[in-house]
C-alpha atoms as a PDB file:
ATOM      1  CA  GLY A   1      69.392  67.450 101.332  1.00  0.00           C
ATOM      2  CA  CYS A   2      72.238  69.813 100.685  1.00  0.00           C
ATOM      3  CA  GLN A   3      74.562  70.647 103.532  1.00  0.00           C
ATOM      4  CA  PRO A   4      76.299  74.021 103.579  1.00  0.00           C
ATOM      5  CA  VAL A   5      80.022  74.022 102.910  1.00  0.00           C
ATOM      6  CA  PRO A   6      82.129  76.082 105.322  1.00  0.00           C
ATOM      7  CA  LEU A   7      83.730  79.097 103.614  1.00  0.00           C
ATOM      8  CA  SER A   8      87.168  77.990 104.819  1.00  0.00           C
ATOM      9  CA  GLU A   9      86.931  74.621 103.004  1.00  0.00           C
ATOM     10  CA  VAL A  10      88.456  74.362  99.540  1.00  0.00           C
ATOM     11  CA  VAL A  11      86.035  72.856  97.035  1.00  0.00           C
ATOM     12  CA  GLU A  12      87.490  71.314  93.882  1.00  0.00           C
ATOM     13  CA  PRO A  13      85.720  72.281  90.655  1.00  0.00           C
ATOM     14  CA  VAL A  14      83.946  69.576  88.702  1.00  0.00           C
ATOM     15  CA  ASP A  15      86.063  67.954  85.964  1.00  0.00           C
ATOM     16  CA  PHE A  16      83.584  68.415  83.116  1.00  0.00           C
ATOM     17  CA  GLU A  17      85.120  65.817  80.792  1.00  0.00           C
ATOM     18  CA  GLU A  18      85.229  63.216  83.563  1.00  0.00           C
ATOM     19  CA  TYR A  19      81.614  63.969  84.484  1.00  0.00           C
ATOM     20  CA  LEU A  20      80.500  63.460  80.880  1.00  0.00           C
ATOM     21  CA  GLU A  21      82.331  60.115  80.707  1.00  0.00           C
ATOM     22  CA  THR A  22      80.498  58.840  83.784  1.00  0.00           C
ATOM     23  CA  HIS A  23      77.114  60.493  83.061  1.00  0.00           C
ATOM     24  CA  PRO A  24      76.056  60.134  79.409  1.00  0.00           C
ATOM     25  CA  PRO A  25      74.279  63.327  78.220  1.00  0.00           C
ATOM     26  CA  ALA A  26      71.160  61.370  77.219  1.00  0.00           C
ATOM     27  CA  ALA A  27      70.754  60.113  80.806  1.00  0.00           C
ATOM     28  CA  GLU A  28      70.833  63.562  82.406  1.00  0.00           C
ATOM     29  CA  PRO A  29      67.795  65.798  81.896  1.00  0.00           C
ATOM     30  CA  GLY A  30      68.766  69.079  80.262  1.00  0.00           C
ATOM     31  CA  LEU A  31      72.386  68.096  79.601  1.00  0.00           C
ATOM     32  CA  GLN A  32      71.677  66.884  76.063  1.00  0.00           C
ATOM     33  CA  GLU A  33      70.547  70.383  75.028  1.00  0.00           C
ATOM     34  CA  VAL A  34      73.728  71.903  76.445  1.00  0.00           C
ATOM     35  CA  MET A  35      75.898  69.469  74.489  1.00  0.00           C
ATOM     36  CA  GLU A  36      74.174  70.003  71.137  1.00  0.00           C
ATOM     37  CA  PHE A  37      75.015  72.835  68.787  1.00  0.00           C
ATOM     38  CA  PRO A  38      74.018  73.494  65.173  1.00  0.00           C
ATOM     39  CA  THR A  39      76.338  71.909  62.635  1.00  0.00           C
ATOM     40  CA  ASP A  40      76.114  75.020  60.446  1.00  0.00           C
ATOM     41  CA  ASP A  41      77.105  77.427  63.244  1.00  0.00           C
ATOM     42  CA  ILE A  42      80.754  77.800  62.251  1.00  0.00           C
ATOM     43  CA  GLU A  43      81.682  79.152  58.830  1.00  0.00           C
ATOM     44  CA  VAL A  44      85.348  79.197  57.792  1.00  0.00           C
ATOM     45  CA  SER A  45      86.436  81.367  54.890  1.00  0.00           C
ATOM     46  CA  HIS A  46      89.840  81.864  53.272  1.00  0.00           C
ATOM     47  CA  GLU A  47      90.849  85.213  51.828  1.00  0.00           C
ATOM     48  CA  PRO A  48      93.955  85.434  49.690  1.00  0.00           C
ATOM     49  CA  ARG A  49      96.559  87.695  51.248  1.00  0.00           C
ATOM     50  CA  GLU A  50      97.417  90.564  48.955  1.00  0.00           C
ATOM     51  CA  SER A  51     101.056  91.216  48.211  1.00  0.00           C
ATOM     52  CA  ARG A  52     102.325  94.765  47.848  1.00  0.00           C
ATOM     53  CA  THR A  53     105.323  93.683  45.815  1.00  0.00           C
ATOM     54  CA  LEU A  54     105.611  92.294  42.303  1.00  0.00           C
ATOM     55  CA  GLU A  55     107.919  89.480  43.402  1.00  0.00           C
ATOM     56  CA  SER A  56     108.056  87.538  46.629  1.00  0.00           C
ATOM     57  CA  GLY A  57     110.903  88.496  48.936  1.00  0.00           C
ATOM     58  CA  ILE A  58     111.047  84.970  50.317  1.00  0.00           C
ATOM     59  CA  PRO A  59     113.797  82.675  49.003  1.00  0.00           C
ATOM     60  CA  GLU A  60     112.924  79.383  47.312  1.00  0.00           C
ATOM     61  CA  GLU A  61     111.879  76.445  49.519  1.00  0.00           C
ATOM     62  CA  GLY A  62     115.190  74.547  49.504  1.00  0.00           C
ATOM     63  CA  LYS A  63     117.206  77.531  50.747  1.00  0.00           C
ATOM     64  CA  LEU A  64     115.309  78.113  54.012  1.00  0.00           C
ATOM     65  CA  ASP A  65     115.698  76.617  57.452  1.00  0.00           C
ATOM     66  CA  ALA A  66     112.406  74.947  58.488  1.00  0.00           C
ATOM     67  CA  ARG A  67     111.975  77.317  61.463  1.00  0.00           C
ATOM     68  CA  VAL A  68     112.480  80.381  59.286  1.00  0.00           C
ATOM     69  CA  ARG A  69     110.018  79.030  56.692  1.00  0.00           C
ATOM     70  CA  ASP A  70     107.394  78.438  59.415  1.00  0.00           C
ATOM     71  CA  ALA A  71     107.914  81.940  60.812  1.00  0.00           C
ATOM     72  CA  LEU A  72     107.518  83.500  57.361  1.00  0.00           C
ATOM     73  CA  GLN A  73     104.242  81.645  56.782  1.00  0.00           C
ATOM     74  CA  VAL A  74     102.659  83.870  59.436  1.00  0.00           C
ATOM     75  CA  TYR A  75     103.178  86.797  57.046  1.00  0.00           C
ATOM     76  CA  THR A  76     102.458  85.065  53.757  1.00  0.00           C
ATOM     77  CA  ASP A  77      99.611  82.570  54.295  1.00  0.00           C
ATOM     78  CA  ASP A  78      96.057  83.450  53.347  1.00  0.00           C
ATOM     79  CA  TRP A  79      93.716  84.954  55.935  1.00  0.00           C
ATOM     80  CA  VAL A  80      91.416  82.482  57.665  1.00  0.00           C
ATOM     81  CA  THR A  81      88.225  84.019  59.053  1.00  0.00           C
ATOM     82  CA  ILE A  82      85.848  82.146  61.334  1.00  0.00           C
ATOM     83  CA  GLN A  83      82.286  83.421  61.703  1.00  0.00           C
ATOM     84  CA  ARG A  84      79.765  82.029  64.166  1.00  0.00           C
ATOM     85  CA  LYS A  85      76.291  82.283  62.679  1.00  0.00           C
ATOM     86  CA  TYR A  86      74.367  81.878  65.940  1.00  0.00           C
ATOM     87  CA  GLN A  87      76.689  83.795  68.267  1.00  0.00           C
ATOM     88  CA  ARG A  88      74.113  86.565  68.715  1.00  0.00           C
ATOM     89  CA  LEU A  89      71.770  84.003  70.295  1.00  0.00           C
ATOM     90  CA  SER A  90      74.338  83.167  72.986  1.00  0.00           C
ATOM     91  CA  THR A  91      73.966  84.394  76.544  1.00  0.00           C
ATOM     92  CA  MET A  92      77.534  85.726  76.218  1.00  0.00           C
ATOM     93  CA  TYR A  93      76.606  87.896  73.208  1.00  0.00           C
ATOM     94  CA  SER A  94      76.990  91.637  73.552  1.00  0.00           C
ATOM     95  CA  PRO A  95      76.664  94.042  70.594  1.00  0.00           C
ATOM     96  CA  HIS A  96      79.276  96.264  72.256  1.00  0.00           C
ATOM     97  CA  THR A  97      81.822  93.403  72.387  1.00  0.00           C
ATOM     98  CA  VAL A  98      81.116  92.393  68.791  1.00  0.00           C
ATOM     99  CA  GLU A  99      81.649  95.964  67.587  1.00  0.00           C
ATOM    100  CA  LYS A 100      84.947  96.179  69.489  1.00  0.00           C
ATOM    101  CA  GLN A 101      86.075  92.939  67.815  1.00  0.00           C
ATOM    102  CA  ARG A 102      85.184  94.309  64.375  1.00  0.00           C
ATOM    103  CA  ASP A 103      87.105  97.527  65.070  1.00  0.00           C
ATOM    104  CA  ARG A 104      90.133  95.491  66.164  1.00  0.00           C
ATOM    105  CA  GLN A 105      89.925  93.343  63.018  1.00  0.00           C
ATOM    106  CA  ARG A 106      89.667  96.414  60.786  1.00  0.00           C
ATOM    107  CA  GLY A 107      92.893  97.676  62.329  1.00  0.00           C
ATOM    108  CA  LEU A 108      94.782  94.511  61.363  1.00  0.00           C
ATOM    109  CA  ALA A 109      97.102  94.894  58.407  1.00  0.00           C
ATOM    110  CA  ARG A 110      95.872  92.887  55.453  1.00  0.00           C
END
């Protein structure tokens, strides 16, 4: 049976990846269901970023240092939005948390 562990003893957490390598999910009852997720759960969409100017204020490609170009991409690349279709079925789902996330996203400058 199980023996109690003294409260003063440090117990190392299970290395999940190592456990999966040594215990295939099909061999463990219940683990296969935990490892599976719907292939259509994640939906990625790209929204073009609107520019408020008629011309780009960014110099042509050849005139920029690579680090500066990469930093500017943060402000010029299209928006990438990731939606999880089945998130509401998760045990971590909370309508309150989802609404707070939406409010935060609405506050982002587009």
